[in-house]
Amino acid sequence: MSFLHSLAPDAGLLQIFQAFPELAQPLLEYHEVLLRGDSPFSAAEREFIAAYVSGLNNCNYCRAVHSQTAVALGIGANAIAEMLSNSQSEHLDPKMRPVLAFVRKLTLSPATITAADADAVFAAGWNDRALHDAVAICGLFNLMNRVVNGLGVKASEAYTRIAAQRLAQDGYAKLLELLPAGAEQ
């Protein structure tokens, strides 16, 4: 359900992107570079971070899409379930634990981030680029979660499965092709 009067009540995020292509284009380009470009994190790990941030923000649409995308790209379903339930993380790669702790703190209490939080990420073997990418993914999904929740975007499980398959197979650049002609500058 979308809160936008100019769209059908069941409009999804793609329909919102299509209604506002001049805003969607740079946003989708950034998604593609950040989530599918070069990074110390695999595409699956980046989708996992996106799903985790979305879960923290109670953005069910983004949590569902990005969890399913992470699984399609190789993250174990058990790791996703543990992440979402905050239970023991026996299926979670130990190297990812400090990254998720960092983005959790950055999402829930950003003013309390310290060098010690970053040092925990480095101690797990990640480099400056990894910290940058984790922070950027966290920031992007805090933005996207607010856009999605603020515009009332909801979707069925069938729709989130399709969206996740599309992202896993084609990334975000393919979504640019679904925008109306003339969106590119």
N, C-alpha and C. Protein backbone atom coordinates (compact mmCIF):
# COMPACT_ATOMS: atom_id res chain seq x y z
N MET A 1 0.85 -1.18 0.00
CA MET A 1 0.00 0.00 0.00
C MET A 1 0.89 1.24 0.00
N SER A 2 0.63 2.12 -0.91
CA SER A 2 1.37 3.37 -0.99
C SER A 2 0.49 4.50 -0.47
N PHE A 3 1.11 5.44 0.21
CA PHE A 3 0.38 6.62 0.69
C PHE A 3 0.23 7.68 -0.40
N LEU A 4 0.90 7.51 -1.52
CA LEU A 4 0.88 8.52 -2.58
C LEU A 4 -0.44 8.47 -3.34
N HIS A 5 -1.13 9.58 -3.41
CA HIS A 5 -2.44 9.64 -4.06
C HIS A 5 -2.34 9.43 -5.57
N SER A 6 -1.21 9.76 -6.17
CA SER A 6 -1.06 9.63 -7.62
C SER A 6 -0.79 8.20 -8.07
N LEU A 7 -0.58 7.30 -7.12
CA LEU A 7 -0.31 5.91 -7.46
C LEU A 7 -1.39 5.00 -6.91
N ALA A 8 -1.47 3.82 -7.49
CA ALA A 8 -2.43 2.82 -6.99
C ALA A 8 -2.06 2.47 -5.55
N PRO A 9 -3.05 2.14 -4.74
CA PRO A 9 -2.76 1.81 -3.34
C PRO A 9 -1.79 0.65 -3.16
N ASP A 10 -1.73 -0.25 -4.13
CA ASP A 10 -0.83 -1.40 -4.01
C ASP A 10 0.51 -1.16 -4.72
N ALA A 11 0.83 0.10 -5.02
CA ALA A 11 2.09 0.42 -5.70
C ALA A 11 3.27 0.00 -4.83
N GLY A 12 4.24 -0.59 -5.48
CA GLY A 12 5.45 -0.99 -4.79
C GLY A 12 6.56 0.02 -5.02
N LEU A 13 7.73 -0.31 -4.53
CA LEU A 13 8.87 0.61 -4.66
C LEU A 13 9.22 0.84 -6.13
N LEU A 14 9.14 -0.17 -6.96
CA LEU A 14 9.44 0.01 -8.38
C LEU A 14 8.50 1.05 -9.00
N GLN A 15 7.23 0.99 -8.66
CA GLN A 15 6.28 1.95 -9.21
C GLN A 15 6.58 3.38 -8.71
N ILE A 16 7.06 3.49 -7.50
CA ILE A 16 7.45 4.80 -6.98
C ILE A 16 8.69 5.30 -7.73
N PHE A 17 9.65 4.42 -7.95
CA PHE A 17 10.83 4.80 -8.75
C PHE A 17 10.39 5.25 -10.14
N GLN A 18 9.43 4.55 -10.74
CA GLN A 18 8.96 4.90 -12.08
C GLN A 18 8.21 6.23 -12.08
N ALA A 19 7.54 6.56 -10.99
CA ALA A 19 6.81 7.83 -10.89
C ALA A 19 7.76 9.02 -10.71
N PHE A 20 8.93 8.76 -10.15
CA PHE A 20 9.91 9.82 -9.87
C PHE A 20 11.29 9.41 -10.41
N PRO A 21 11.38 9.20 -11.73
CA PRO A 21 12.61 8.65 -12.30
C PRO A 21 13.84 9.55 -12.12
N GLU A 22 13.65 10.84 -12.09
CA GLU A 22 14.80 11.74 -11.94
C GLU A 22 15.44 11.60 -10.56
N LEU A 23 14.68 11.17 -9.58
CA LEU A 23 15.21 10.89 -8.25
C LEU A 23 15.71 9.45 -8.13
N ALA A 24 15.02 8.56 -8.80
CA ALA A 24 15.36 7.14 -8.72
C ALA A 24 16.67 6.82 -9.43
N GLN A 25 16.93 7.47 -10.55
CA GLN A 25 18.11 7.12 -11.33
C GLN A 25 19.41 7.22 -10.53
N PRO A 26 19.75 8.37 -9.92
CA PRO A 26 21.02 8.40 -9.18
C PRO A 26 21.01 7.48 -7.96
N LEU A 27 19.86 7.28 -7.37
CA LEU A 27 19.75 6.39 -6.22
C LEU A 27 20.05 4.94 -6.63
N LEU A 28 19.49 4.51 -7.73
CA LEU A 28 19.74 3.15 -8.22
C LEU A 28 21.19 2.98 -8.70
N GLU A 29 21.74 4.03 -9.30
CA GLU A 29 23.15 3.97 -9.70
C GLU A 29 24.04 3.80 -8.47
N TYR A 30 23.72 4.52 -7.40
CA TYR A 30 24.50 4.39 -6.17
C TYR A 30 24.35 2.98 -5.58
N HIS A 31 23.13 2.45 -5.58
CA HIS A 31 22.92 1.07 -5.12
C HIS A 31 23.83 0.11 -5.90
N GLU A 32 23.86 0.26 -7.21
CA GLU A 32 24.65 -0.65 -8.05
C GLU A 32 26.13 -0.57 -7.71
N VAL A 33 26.67 0.63 -7.60
CA VAL A 33 28.09 0.79 -7.29
C VAL A 33 28.41 0.24 -5.90
N LEU A 34 27.59 0.59 -4.92
CA LEU A 34 27.87 0.20 -3.55
C LEU A 34 27.62 -1.28 -3.29
N LEU A 35 26.55 -1.82 -3.84
CA LEU A 35 26.17 -3.19 -3.52
C LEU A 35 26.66 -4.24 -4.52
N ARG A 36 27.11 -3.78 -5.70
CA ARG A 36 27.59 -4.75 -6.70
C ARG A 36 28.98 -4.41 -7.24
N GLY A 37 29.49 -3.24 -6.94
CA GLY A 37 30.82 -2.87 -7.40
C GLY A 37 31.90 -3.53 -6.56
N ASP A 38 33.14 -3.10 -6.79
CA ASP A 38 34.27 -3.65 -6.04
C ASP A 38 34.12 -3.34 -4.55
N SER A 39 34.42 -4.33 -3.73
CA SER A 39 34.33 -4.18 -2.27
C SER A 39 35.02 -5.38 -1.63
N PRO A 40 35.56 -5.18 -0.43
CA PRO A 40 36.07 -6.34 0.32
C PRO A 40 34.95 -7.32 0.69
N PHE A 41 33.73 -6.83 0.76
CA PHE A 41 32.57 -7.67 1.06
C PHE A 41 32.03 -8.27 -0.24
N SER A 42 31.57 -9.50 -0.17
CA SER A 42 30.88 -10.09 -1.32
C SER A 42 29.52 -9.40 -1.47
N ALA A 43 28.92 -9.57 -2.64
CA ALA A 43 27.58 -9.03 -2.85
C ALA A 43 26.61 -9.61 -1.81
N ALA A 44 26.77 -10.89 -1.48
CA ALA A 44 25.91 -11.53 -0.49
C ALA A 44 26.07 -10.87 0.88
N GLU A 45 27.31 -10.60 1.28
CA GLU A 45 27.55 -9.95 2.58
C GLU A 45 26.98 -8.54 2.61
N ARG A 46 27.06 -7.83 1.50
CA ARG A 46 26.49 -6.47 1.45
C ARG A 46 24.97 -6.51 1.54
N GLU A 47 24.36 -7.47 0.88
CA GLU A 47 22.90 -7.63 1.00
C GLU A 47 22.53 -8.02 2.43
N PHE A 48 23.37 -8.82 3.06
CA PHE A 48 23.16 -9.23 4.45
C PHE A 48 23.18 -8.02 5.37
N ILE A 49 24.14 -7.12 5.17
CA ILE A 49 24.20 -5.88 5.96
C ILE A 49 22.94 -5.06 5.73
N ALA A 50 22.52 -4.94 4.47
CA ALA A 50 21.31 -4.18 4.15
C ALA A 50 20.09 -4.78 4.85
N ALA A 51 19.99 -6.10 4.83
CA ALA A 51 18.86 -6.78 5.49
C ALA A 51 18.90 -6.55 6.99
N TYR A 52 20.09 -6.60 7.58
CA TYR A 52 20.23 -6.41 9.02
C TYR A 52 19.80 -5.00 9.43
N VAL A 53 20.30 -4.00 8.73
CA VAL A 53 19.91 -2.61 9.02
C VAL A 53 18.40 -2.45 8.87
N SER A 54 17.84 -3.03 7.83
CA SER A 54 16.40 -2.94 7.60
C SER A 54 15.60 -3.62 8.70
N GLY A 55 16.10 -4.74 9.20
CA GLY A 55 15.46 -5.41 10.33
C GLY A 55 15.50 -4.55 11.58
N LEU A 56 16.64 -3.90 11.82
CA LEU A 56 16.76 -3.01 12.99
C LEU A 56 15.77 -1.86 12.91
N ASN A 57 15.51 -1.40 11.69
CA ASN A 57 14.60 -0.27 11.48
C ASN A 57 13.14 -0.70 11.31
N ASN A 58 12.87 -1.97 11.48
CA ASN A 58 11.51 -2.49 11.30
C ASN A 58 10.93 -2.13 9.94
N CYS A 59 11.77 -2.21 8.92
CA CYS A 59 11.32 -2.01 7.55
C CYS A 59 11.16 -3.40 6.94
N ASN A 60 9.96 -3.93 7.07
CA ASN A 60 9.72 -5.31 6.67
C ASN A 60 9.92 -5.54 5.18
N TYR A 61 9.55 -4.57 4.36
CA TYR A 61 9.73 -4.70 2.92
C TYR A 61 11.22 -4.89 2.59
N CYS A 62 12.07 -3.97 3.03
CA CYS A 62 13.51 -4.05 2.73
C CYS A 62 14.16 -5.26 3.40
N ARG A 63 13.76 -5.55 4.61
CA ARG A 63 14.31 -6.72 5.30
C ARG A 63 14.03 -7.98 4.51
N ALA A 64 12.79 -8.14 4.05
CA ALA A 64 12.41 -9.34 3.30
C ALA A 64 13.15 -9.42 1.98
N VAL A 65 13.15 -8.35 1.21
CA VAL A 65 13.79 -8.37 -0.11
C VAL A 65 15.29 -8.65 0.02
N HIS A 66 15.96 -7.94 0.93
CA HIS A 66 17.41 -8.07 1.00
C HIS A 66 17.86 -9.33 1.73
N SER A 67 17.04 -9.86 2.63
CA SER A 67 17.34 -11.16 3.24
C SER A 67 17.28 -12.25 2.17
N GLN A 68 16.23 -12.22 1.38
CA GLN A 68 16.07 -13.23 0.33
C GLN A 68 17.15 -13.09 -0.74
N THR A 69 17.55 -11.84 -1.03
CA THR A 69 18.63 -11.63 -1.99
C THR A 69 19.94 -12.18 -1.44
N ALA A 70 20.22 -11.93 -0.16
CA ALA A 70 21.44 -12.44 0.47
C ALA A 70 21.48 -13.97 0.41
N VAL A 71 20.36 -14.61 0.68
CA VAL A 71 20.30 -16.07 0.62
C VAL A 71 20.54 -16.54 -0.82
N ALA A 72 19.90 -15.87 -1.78
CA ALA A 72 20.07 -16.26 -3.18
C ALA A 72 21.53 -16.11 -3.63
N LEU A 73 22.25 -15.19 -3.01
CA LEU A 73 23.66 -14.96 -3.36
C LEU A 73 24.63 -15.79 -2.53
N GLY A 74 24.11 -16.58 -1.56
CA GLY A 74 24.98 -17.51 -0.86
C GLY A 74 25.05 -17.41 0.65
N ILE A 75 24.38 -16.47 1.27
CA ILE A 75 24.34 -16.41 2.74
C ILE A 75 23.38 -17.50 3.21
N GLY A 76 23.77 -18.25 4.20
CA GLY A 76 22.92 -19.32 4.70
C GLY A 76 21.64 -18.80 5.33
N ALA A 77 20.56 -19.48 5.08
CA ALA A 77 19.28 -19.07 5.66
C ALA A 77 19.33 -19.08 7.18
N ASN A 78 20.12 -19.98 7.77
CA ASN A 78 20.25 -20.03 9.23
C ASN A 78 20.90 -18.75 9.76
N ALA A 79 21.89 -18.23 9.04
CA ALA A 79 22.54 -16.99 9.47
C ALA A 79 21.55 -15.84 9.43
N ILE A 80 20.71 -15.80 8.40
CA ILE A 80 19.69 -14.75 8.30
C ILE A 80 18.72 -14.86 9.47
N ALA A 81 18.25 -16.06 9.75
CA ALA A 81 17.29 -16.25 10.85
C ALA A 81 17.91 -15.84 12.18
N GLU A 82 19.16 -16.20 12.41
CA GLU A 82 19.84 -15.82 13.66
C GLU A 82 20.00 -14.31 13.75
N MET A 83 20.36 -13.68 12.64
CA MET A 83 20.55 -12.24 12.63
C MET A 83 19.24 -11.53 12.97
N LEU A 84 18.16 -11.99 12.39
CA LEU A 84 16.88 -11.33 12.58
C LEU A 84 16.30 -11.56 13.97
N SER A 85 16.66 -12.68 14.59
CA SER A 85 16.12 -12.99 15.93
C SER A 85 17.08 -12.60 17.04
N ASN A 86 18.26 -12.10 16.68
CA ASN A 86 19.29 -11.76 17.67
C ASN A 86 19.66 -12.94 18.54
N SER A 87 19.55 -14.14 17.98
CA SER A 87 19.90 -15.34 18.76
C SER A 87 21.38 -15.65 18.59
N GLN A 88 21.80 -16.77 19.13
CA GLN A 88 23.18 -17.20 18.99
C GLN A 88 23.55 -17.16 17.50
N SER A 89 24.75 -16.77 17.23
CA SER A 89 25.15 -16.61 15.83
C SER A 89 26.15 -17.68 15.41
N GLU A 90 25.80 -18.94 15.65
CA GLU A 90 26.69 -20.04 15.30
C GLU A 90 26.84 -20.21 13.79
N HIS A 91 25.85 -19.76 13.01
CA HIS A 91 25.92 -19.90 11.56
C HIS A 91 26.47 -18.65 10.88
N LEU A 92 26.77 -17.64 11.66
CA LEU A 92 27.26 -16.37 11.13
C LEU A 92 28.78 -16.39 11.08
N ASP A 93 29.33 -16.00 9.96
CA ASP A 93 30.78 -15.90 9.81
C ASP A 93 31.33 -15.00 10.92
N PRO A 94 32.25 -15.51 11.75
CA PRO A 94 32.78 -14.70 12.86
C PRO A 94 33.37 -13.36 12.41
N LYS A 95 33.87 -13.32 11.19
CA LYS A 95 34.44 -12.08 10.67
C LYS A 95 33.36 -11.00 10.46
N MET A 96 32.11 -11.42 10.28
CA MET A 96 31.01 -10.47 10.06
C MET A 96 30.43 -9.94 11.38
N ARG A 97 30.66 -10.62 12.48
CA ARG A 97 30.06 -10.21 13.76
C ARG A 97 30.41 -8.77 14.15
N PRO A 98 31.69 -8.35 14.12
CA PRO A 98 31.97 -6.96 14.49
C PRO A 98 31.41 -5.95 13.48
N VAL A 99 31.27 -6.36 12.22
CA VAL A 99 30.68 -5.47 11.20
C VAL A 99 29.22 -5.23 11.54
N LEU A 100 28.51 -6.30 11.87
CA LEU A 100 27.08 -6.16 12.22
C LEU A 100 26.92 -5.41 13.53
N ALA A 101 27.82 -5.62 14.48
CA ALA A 101 27.76 -4.86 15.75
C ALA A 101 27.96 -3.38 15.46
N PHE A 102 28.87 -3.06 14.55
CA PHE A 102 29.13 -1.68 14.19
C PHE A 102 27.90 -1.03 13.56
N VAL A 103 27.30 -1.70 12.55
CA VAL A 103 26.14 -1.09 11.88
C VAL A 103 24.93 -1.06 12.80
N ARG A 104 24.84 -1.99 13.73
CA ARG A 104 23.76 -1.94 14.72
C ARG A 104 23.87 -0.67 15.56
N LYS A 105 25.06 -0.43 16.07
CA LYS A 105 25.28 0.76 16.89
C LYS A 105 25.09 2.03 16.05
N LEU A 106 25.60 2.03 14.83
CA LEU A 106 25.47 3.19 13.95
C LEU A 106 24.00 3.48 13.63
N THR A 107 23.19 2.45 13.52
CA THR A 107 21.76 2.62 13.24
C THR A 107 20.98 3.06 14.47
N LEU A 108 21.23 2.41 15.61
CA LEU A 108 20.41 2.65 16.80
C LEU A 108 20.91 3.80 17.68
N SER A 109 22.21 4.04 17.68
CA SER A 109 22.74 5.13 18.51
C SER A 109 23.99 5.72 17.85
N PRO A 110 23.81 6.39 16.73
CA PRO A 110 24.95 6.83 15.92
C PRO A 110 25.92 7.76 16.64
N ALA A 111 25.46 8.55 17.55
CA ALA A 111 26.34 9.49 18.25
C ALA A 111 27.31 8.79 19.19
N THR A 112 27.09 7.50 19.45
CA THR A 112 27.96 6.78 20.39
C THR A 112 29.07 5.99 19.70
N ILE A 113 29.17 6.05 18.38
CA ILE A 113 30.24 5.35 17.66
C ILE A 113 31.58 5.94 18.07
N THR A 114 32.55 5.04 18.32
CA THR A 114 33.90 5.48 18.70
C THR A 114 34.94 4.74 17.86
N ALA A 115 36.18 5.15 18.00
CA ALA A 115 37.27 4.47 17.31
C ALA A 115 37.35 3.01 17.73
N ALA A 116 36.98 2.70 18.94
CA ALA A 116 37.01 1.30 19.40
C ALA A 116 36.06 0.44 18.58
N ASP A 117 34.93 1.00 18.17
CA ASP A 117 33.99 0.25 17.34
C ASP A 117 34.61 -0.07 15.98
N ALA A 118 35.28 0.92 15.41
CA ALA A 118 35.98 0.70 14.14
C ALA A 118 37.14 -0.27 14.32
N ASP A 119 37.85 -0.15 15.42
CA ASP A 119 38.99 -1.04 15.68
C ASP A 119 38.55 -2.50 15.75
N ALA A 120 37.35 -2.76 16.24
CA ALA A 120 36.85 -4.14 16.29
C ALA A 120 36.67 -4.70 14.88
N VAL A 121 36.23 -3.84 13.96
CA VAL A 121 36.09 -4.26 12.56
C VAL A 121 37.47 -4.56 11.98
N PHE A 122 38.42 -3.68 12.24
CA PHE A 122 39.78 -3.90 11.73
C PHE A 122 40.41 -5.16 12.35
N ALA A 123 40.16 -5.38 13.62
CA ALA A 123 40.72 -6.56 14.30
C ALA A 123 40.20 -7.86 13.70
N ALA A 124 39.03 -7.81 13.08
CA ALA A 124 38.47 -9.01 12.44
C ALA A 124 39.08 -9.25 11.07
N GLY A 125 39.97 -8.35 10.64
CA GLY A 125 40.65 -8.54 9.37
C GLY A 125 40.16 -7.68 8.23
N TRP A 126 39.24 -6.79 8.51
CA TRP A 126 38.73 -5.91 7.46
C TRP A 126 39.61 -4.68 7.33
N ASN A 127 39.58 -4.03 6.17
CA ASN A 127 40.40 -2.85 5.93
C ASN A 127 39.54 -1.57 5.89
N ASP A 128 40.19 -0.45 5.58
CA ASP A 128 39.49 0.84 5.53
C ASP A 128 38.31 0.81 4.56
N ARG A 129 38.51 0.20 3.40
CA ARG A 129 37.43 0.15 2.40
C ARG A 129 36.24 -0.61 2.96
N ALA A 130 36.49 -1.68 3.68
CA ALA A 130 35.39 -2.45 4.26
C ALA A 130 34.62 -1.61 5.27
N LEU A 131 35.33 -0.89 6.12
CA LEU A 131 34.63 -0.02 7.08
C LEU A 131 33.82 1.02 6.34
N HIS A 132 34.43 1.64 5.33
CA HIS A 132 33.70 2.63 4.53
C HIS A 132 32.43 2.03 3.94
N ASP A 133 32.56 0.85 3.32
CA ASP A 133 31.41 0.24 2.66
C ASP A 133 30.33 -0.15 3.67
N ALA A 134 30.72 -0.65 4.82
CA ALA A 134 29.73 -1.00 5.85
C ALA A 134 28.97 0.25 6.29
N VAL A 135 29.69 1.34 6.51
CA VAL A 135 29.05 2.60 6.91
C VAL A 135 28.14 3.11 5.80
N ALA A 136 28.62 3.06 4.55
CA ALA A 136 27.81 3.55 3.43
C ALA A 136 26.55 2.71 3.24
N ILE A 137 26.66 1.39 3.36
CA ILE A 137 25.48 0.52 3.23
C ILE A 137 24.50 0.83 4.37
N CYS A 138 25.02 0.98 5.57
CA CYS A 138 24.18 1.32 6.71
C CYS A 138 23.44 2.64 6.45
N GLY A 139 24.17 3.64 6.00
CA GLY A 139 23.55 4.93 5.72
C GLY A 139 22.51 4.85 4.62
N LEU A 140 22.84 4.14 3.54
CA LEU A 140 21.90 4.00 2.43
C LEU A 140 20.61 3.32 2.88
N PHE A 141 20.74 2.28 3.69
CA PHE A 141 19.53 1.57 4.08
C PHE A 141 18.77 2.26 5.20
N ASN A 142 19.42 3.08 5.98
CA ASN A 142 18.65 3.93 6.89
C ASN A 142 17.80 4.91 6.07
N LEU A 143 18.37 5.43 4.98
CA LEU A 143 17.61 6.29 4.07
C LEU A 143 16.48 5.51 3.41
N MET A 144 16.81 4.37 2.79
CA MET A 144 15.79 3.61 2.06
C MET A 144 14.67 3.12 2.97
N ASN A 145 15.01 2.71 4.19
CA ASN A 145 13.98 2.25 5.13
C ASN A 145 13.00 3.37 5.44
N ARG A 146 13.49 4.58 5.55
CA ARG A 146 12.61 5.71 5.84
C ARG A 146 11.77 6.08 4.63
N VAL A 147 12.34 5.97 3.44
CA VAL A 147 11.57 6.22 2.22
C VAL A 147 10.46 5.18 2.11
N VAL A 148 10.81 3.92 2.26
CA VAL A 148 9.84 2.83 2.12
C VAL A 148 8.75 2.93 3.19
N ASN A 149 9.14 3.05 4.45
CA ASN A 149 8.14 3.15 5.51
C ASN A 149 7.35 4.45 5.42
N GLY A 150 8.02 5.55 5.10
CA GLY A 150 7.35 6.84 5.02
C GLY A 150 6.34 6.93 3.90
N LEU A 151 6.55 6.18 2.81
CA LEU A 151 5.61 6.19 1.69
C LEU A 151 4.62 5.03 1.75
N GLY A 152 4.71 4.23 2.81
CA GLY A 152 3.73 3.16 3.01
C GLY A 152 3.90 1.98 2.08
N VAL A 153 5.12 1.70 1.64
CA VAL A 153 5.36 0.59 0.72
C VAL A 153 5.25 -0.73 1.47
N LYS A 154 4.41 -1.59 0.97
CA LYS A 154 4.24 -2.94 1.49
C LYS A 154 4.23 -3.88 0.29
N ALA A 155 4.52 -5.13 0.52
CA ALA A 155 4.49 -6.09 -0.57
C ALA A 155 4.20 -7.48 -0.05
N SER A 156 3.62 -8.27 -0.91
CA SER A 156 3.35 -9.67 -0.57
C SER A 156 4.65 -10.46 -0.58
N GLU A 157 4.60 -11.62 0.02
CA GLU A 157 5.77 -12.50 0.01
C GLU A 157 6.14 -12.89 -1.42
N ALA A 158 5.15 -13.09 -2.25
CA ALA A 158 5.42 -13.44 -3.65
C ALA A 158 6.17 -12.30 -4.35
N TYR A 159 5.78 -11.07 -4.09
CA TYR A 159 6.46 -9.93 -4.70
C TYR A 159 7.89 -9.81 -4.20
N THR A 160 8.10 -9.98 -2.89
CA THR A 160 9.47 -9.84 -2.37
C THR A 160 10.37 -10.94 -2.92
N ARG A 161 9.83 -12.13 -3.17
CA ARG A 161 10.61 -13.21 -3.78
C ARG A 161 11.05 -12.81 -5.19
N ILE A 162 10.12 -12.26 -5.95
CA ILE A 162 10.44 -11.83 -7.32
C ILE A 162 11.48 -10.71 -7.31
N ALA A 163 11.28 -9.74 -6.42
CA ALA A 163 12.24 -8.63 -6.32
C ALA A 163 13.62 -9.14 -5.93
N ALA A 164 13.69 -10.07 -4.99
CA ALA A 164 14.96 -10.62 -4.56
C ALA A 164 15.64 -11.39 -5.69
N GLN A 165 14.87 -12.18 -6.44
CA GLN A 165 15.43 -12.91 -7.57
C GLN A 165 16.00 -11.95 -8.60
N ARG A 166 15.27 -10.87 -8.87
CA ARG A 166 15.72 -9.87 -9.84
C ARG A 166 17.04 -9.25 -9.38
N LEU A 167 17.12 -8.88 -8.10
CA LEU A 167 18.35 -8.27 -7.58
C LEU A 167 19.52 -9.25 -7.58
N ALA A 168 19.26 -10.49 -7.23
CA ALA A 168 20.32 -11.48 -7.19
C ALA A 168 20.86 -11.76 -8.60
N GLN A 169 19.98 -11.82 -9.58
CA GLN A 169 20.39 -12.15 -10.94
C GLN A 169 20.98 -10.95 -11.69
N ASP A 170 20.36 -9.80 -11.53
CA ASP A 170 20.69 -8.66 -12.39
C ASP A 170 21.23 -7.44 -11.67
N GLY A 171 21.25 -7.45 -10.35
CA GLY A 171 21.71 -6.28 -9.62
C GLY A 171 20.73 -5.12 -9.73
N TYR A 172 21.23 -3.94 -9.46
CA TYR A 172 20.39 -2.74 -9.42
C TYR A 172 20.39 -1.99 -10.74
N ALA A 173 21.42 -2.15 -11.54
CA ALA A 173 21.51 -1.44 -12.81
C ALA A 173 20.36 -1.83 -13.73
N LYS A 174 19.94 -3.07 -13.66
CA LYS A 174 18.84 -3.54 -14.52
C LYS A 174 17.54 -2.78 -14.22
N LEU A 175 17.39 -2.34 -12.97
CA LEU A 175 16.19 -1.58 -12.61
C LEU A 175 16.13 -0.25 -13.35
N LEU A 176 17.29 0.29 -13.71
CA LEU A 176 17.32 1.54 -14.46
C LEU A 176 16.58 1.40 -15.79
N GLU A 177 16.64 0.21 -16.37
CA GLU A 177 15.96 -0.04 -17.64
C GLU A 177 14.44 0.00 -17.49
N LEU A 178 13.96 -0.15 -16.27
CA LEU A 178 12.52 -0.14 -16.02
C LEU A 178 11.97 1.26 -15.76
N LEU A 179 12.86 2.25 -15.73
CA LEU A 179 12.41 3.63 -15.55
C LEU A 179 11.93 4.18 -16.88
N PRO A 180 11.03 5.15 -16.86
CA PRO A 180 10.55 5.74 -18.12
C PRO A 180 11.70 6.35 -18.92
N ALA A 181 11.58 6.32 -20.21
CA ALA A 181 12.58 6.92 -21.09
C ALA A 181 12.75 8.39 -20.73
N GLY A 182 13.98 8.88 -20.85
CA GLY A 182 14.23 10.27 -20.54
C GLY A 182 14.66 10.50 -19.11
N ALA A 183 14.71 9.44 -18.31
CA ALA A 183 15.13 9.60 -16.90
C ALA A 183 16.61 9.88 -16.82
N GLU A 184 17.37 9.34 -17.79
CA GLU A 184 18.81 9.54 -17.75
C GLU A 184 19.15 10.95 -18.19
N GLN A 185 20.13 11.51 -17.53
CA GLN A 185 20.52 12.89 -17.84
C GLN A 185 21.53 12.92 -18.95
